[in-house]
Amino acid sequence: MSISSIFSGLIFGSIGWFVFSQGRKRIENSKVALGLILMIYPILMPSNVWEWVVGIVLCAYTYYIW
């Protein structure tokens, strides 16, 4: 596990936790699901580049639906 992988997991996991908690508070299932995806996906990515690309795309989508 590289430093980049740990750093991306920390950043996107924190954003995912915030989106998840706000989705639960507002009872919006799409935000709950998106928050869970943001917290879990860094474990499943094969390379650091894909972690950052997918994370940025998911955060942009989160900003778009907010």
N, C-alpha and C. Protein backbone atom coordinates (compact mmCIF):
# COMPACT_ATOMS: atom_id res chain seq x y z
N MET A 1 0.86 -1.18 0.00
CA MET A 1 0.00 0.00 0.00
C MET A 1 0.90 1.24 0.00
N SER A 2 0.66 2.11 -0.94
CA SER A 2 1.51 3.29 -1.07
C SER A 2 0.92 4.48 -0.30
N ILE A 3 1.72 5.51 -0.19
CA ILE A 3 1.29 6.73 0.49
C ILE A 3 0.13 7.37 -0.28
N SER A 4 0.19 7.32 -1.61
CA SER A 4 -0.88 7.89 -2.43
C SER A 4 -2.20 7.17 -2.19
N SER A 5 -2.14 5.87 -2.05
CA SER A 5 -3.34 5.08 -1.80
C SER A 5 -3.94 5.42 -0.43
N ILE A 6 -3.10 5.55 0.57
CA ILE A 6 -3.58 5.91 1.91
C ILE A 6 -4.18 7.31 1.90
N PHE A 7 -3.51 8.24 1.24
CA PHE A 7 -3.98 9.62 1.18
C PHE A 7 -5.31 9.74 0.44
N SER A 8 -5.43 9.04 -0.70
CA SER A 8 -6.69 9.10 -1.45
C SER A 8 -7.81 8.44 -0.66
N GLY A 9 -7.52 7.34 0.02
CA GLY A 9 -8.54 6.69 0.84
C GLY A 9 -9.00 7.59 1.97
N LEU A 10 -8.08 8.32 2.57
CA LEU A 10 -8.43 9.24 3.65
C LEU A 10 -9.29 10.40 3.14
N ILE A 11 -8.90 10.99 2.04
CA ILE A 11 -9.65 12.13 1.48
C ILE A 11 -11.04 11.70 1.03
N PHE A 12 -11.10 10.70 0.15
CA PHE A 12 -12.39 10.31 -0.41
C PHE A 12 -13.26 9.59 0.61
N GLY A 13 -12.65 8.91 1.56
CA GLY A 13 -13.43 8.30 2.65
C GLY A 13 -14.07 9.35 3.54
N SER A 14 -13.35 10.44 3.80
CA SER A 14 -13.91 11.53 4.60
C SER A 14 -15.07 12.21 3.88
N ILE A 15 -14.88 12.46 2.60
CA ILE A 15 -15.96 13.05 1.80
C ILE A 15 -17.15 12.10 1.76
N GLY A 16 -16.87 10.81 1.59
CA GLY A 16 -17.94 9.81 1.57
C GLY A 16 -18.69 9.75 2.89
N TRP A 17 -17.98 9.85 4.00
CA TRP A 17 -18.65 9.83 5.31
C TRP A 17 -19.57 11.04 5.46
N PHE A 18 -19.11 12.22 5.01
CA PHE A 18 -19.94 13.42 5.09
C PHE A 18 -21.19 13.27 4.23
N VAL A 19 -21.03 12.81 3.00
CA VAL A 19 -22.18 12.64 2.10
C VAL A 19 -23.14 11.59 2.67
N PHE A 20 -22.59 10.51 3.20
CA PHE A 20 -23.41 9.46 3.80
C PHE A 20 -24.23 9.99 4.98
N SER A 21 -23.57 10.73 5.87
CA SER A 21 -24.29 11.23 7.04
C SER A 21 -25.34 12.27 6.66
N GLN A 22 -25.04 13.13 5.69
CA GLN A 22 -26.04 14.10 5.25
C GLN A 22 -27.20 13.42 4.54
N GLY A 23 -26.91 12.37 3.78
CA GLY A 23 -27.98 11.62 3.12
C GLY A 23 -28.89 10.93 4.11
N ARG A 24 -28.32 10.38 5.19
CA ARG A 24 -29.15 9.76 6.22
C ARG A 24 -29.98 10.80 6.95
N LYS A 25 -29.39 11.97 7.19
CA LYS A 25 -30.10 13.02 7.92
C LYS A 25 -31.28 13.54 7.10
N ARG A 26 -31.08 13.68 5.80
CA ARG A 26 -32.13 14.22 4.91
C ARG A 26 -33.00 13.14 4.28
N ILE A 27 -32.71 11.88 4.59
CA ILE A 27 -33.43 10.72 4.06
C ILE A 27 -33.43 10.75 2.53
N GLU A 28 -32.23 10.79 1.97
CA GLU A 28 -32.05 10.74 0.52
C GLU A 28 -31.16 9.54 0.20
N ASN A 29 -31.79 8.50 -0.35
CA ASN A 29 -31.09 7.24 -0.58
C ASN A 29 -29.96 7.35 -1.59
N SER A 30 -30.08 8.25 -2.56
CA SER A 30 -29.02 8.38 -3.55
C SER A 30 -27.73 8.91 -2.92
N LYS A 31 -27.85 9.82 -1.99
CA LYS A 31 -26.66 10.35 -1.30
C LYS A 31 -26.08 9.32 -0.32
N VAL A 32 -26.93 8.53 0.29
CA VAL A 32 -26.44 7.47 1.17
C VAL A 32 -25.63 6.47 0.35
N ALA A 33 -26.15 6.07 -0.79
CA ALA A 33 -25.45 5.11 -1.65
C ALA A 33 -24.14 5.70 -2.18
N LEU A 34 -24.18 6.95 -2.59
CA LEU A 34 -22.97 7.59 -3.11
C LEU A 34 -21.91 7.72 -2.02
N GLY A 35 -22.32 8.02 -0.80
CA GLY A 35 -21.39 8.09 0.31
C GLY A 35 -20.75 6.74 0.59
N LEU A 36 -21.54 5.68 0.55
CA LEU A 36 -20.99 4.34 0.75
C LEU A 36 -20.00 3.97 -0.34
N ILE A 37 -20.34 4.32 -1.57
CA ILE A 37 -19.42 4.04 -2.69
C ILE A 37 -18.11 4.79 -2.51
N LEU A 38 -18.19 6.05 -2.10
CA LEU A 38 -16.97 6.84 -1.89
C LEU A 38 -16.11 6.27 -0.77
N MET A 39 -16.73 5.67 0.23
CA MET A 39 -15.96 5.11 1.33
C MET A 39 -15.35 3.75 0.98
N ILE A 40 -15.99 2.98 0.12
CA ILE A 40 -15.56 1.61 -0.14
C ILE A 40 -14.68 1.46 -1.37
N TYR A 41 -14.87 2.27 -2.39
CA TYR A 41 -14.19 2.03 -3.66
C TYR A 41 -12.66 2.04 -3.58
N PRO A 42 -11.99 2.81 -2.70
CA PRO A 42 -10.52 2.77 -2.71
C PRO A 42 -9.93 1.39 -2.41
N ILE A 43 -10.68 0.55 -1.73
CA ILE A 43 -10.21 -0.80 -1.43
C ILE A 43 -10.18 -1.65 -2.69
N LEU A 44 -11.06 -1.37 -3.64
CA LEU A 44 -11.23 -2.22 -4.81
C LEU A 44 -10.43 -1.78 -6.03
N MET A 45 -9.82 -0.62 -6.00
CA MET A 45 -9.11 -0.10 -7.18
C MET A 45 -7.74 -0.76 -7.34
N PRO A 46 -7.39 -1.11 -8.59
CA PRO A 46 -6.12 -1.80 -8.83
C PRO A 46 -4.89 -0.90 -8.83
N SER A 47 -5.06 0.38 -9.14
CA SER A 47 -3.88 1.26 -9.19
C SER A 47 -4.21 2.63 -8.60
N ASN A 48 -3.16 3.36 -8.26
CA ASN A 48 -3.34 4.67 -7.63
C ASN A 48 -3.98 5.68 -8.58
N VAL A 49 -3.63 5.59 -9.85
CA VAL A 49 -4.18 6.53 -10.83
C VAL A 49 -5.69 6.38 -10.91
N TRP A 50 -6.15 5.12 -10.96
CA TRP A 50 -7.59 4.89 -11.04
C TRP A 50 -8.31 5.31 -9.77
N GLU A 51 -7.66 5.20 -8.62
CA GLU A 51 -8.27 5.67 -7.38
C GLU A 51 -8.56 7.16 -7.46
N TRP A 52 -7.58 7.93 -7.93
CA TRP A 52 -7.75 9.38 -8.02
C TRP A 52 -8.76 9.77 -9.09
N VAL A 53 -8.73 9.10 -10.24
CA VAL A 53 -9.66 9.43 -11.33
C VAL A 53 -11.10 9.15 -10.90
N VAL A 54 -11.34 7.96 -10.37
CA VAL A 54 -12.69 7.59 -9.94
C VAL A 54 -13.15 8.47 -8.79
N GLY A 55 -12.26 8.77 -7.86
CA GLY A 55 -12.62 9.62 -6.73
C GLY A 55 -13.00 11.03 -7.16
N ILE A 56 -12.26 11.60 -8.09
CA ILE A 56 -12.57 12.94 -8.57
C ILE A 56 -13.89 12.94 -9.34
N VAL A 57 -14.13 11.90 -10.13
CA VAL A 57 -15.39 11.81 -10.88
C VAL A 57 -16.57 11.67 -9.91
N LEU A 58 -16.43 10.83 -8.89
CA LEU A 58 -17.52 10.66 -7.92
C LEU A 58 -17.76 11.93 -7.11
N CYS A 59 -16.69 12.65 -6.77
CA CYS A 59 -16.87 13.92 -6.04
C CYS A 59 -17.53 14.97 -6.93
N ALA A 60 -17.18 14.98 -8.21
CA ALA A 60 -17.83 15.92 -9.14
C ALA A 60 -19.31 15.58 -9.28
N TYR A 61 -19.62 14.29 -9.34
CA TYR A 61 -21.02 13.88 -9.42
C TYR A 61 -21.77 14.26 -8.14
N THR A 62 -21.12 14.12 -6.99
CA THR A 62 -21.71 14.52 -5.73
C THR A 62 -22.02 16.01 -5.73
N TYR A 63 -21.09 16.80 -6.22
CA TYR A 63 -21.31 18.24 -6.30
C TYR A 63 -22.45 18.56 -7.26
N TYR A 64 -22.55 17.81 -8.35
CA TYR A 64 -23.59 18.03 -9.36
C TYR A 64 -24.99 17.74 -8.79
N ILE A 65 -25.15 16.67 -8.00
CA ILE A 65 -26.49 16.32 -7.51
C ILE A 65 -26.82 17.05 -6.21
N TRP A 66 -25.86 17.71 -5.60
CA TRP A 66 -26.13 18.36 -4.34
C TRP A 66 -27.05 19.51 -4.57
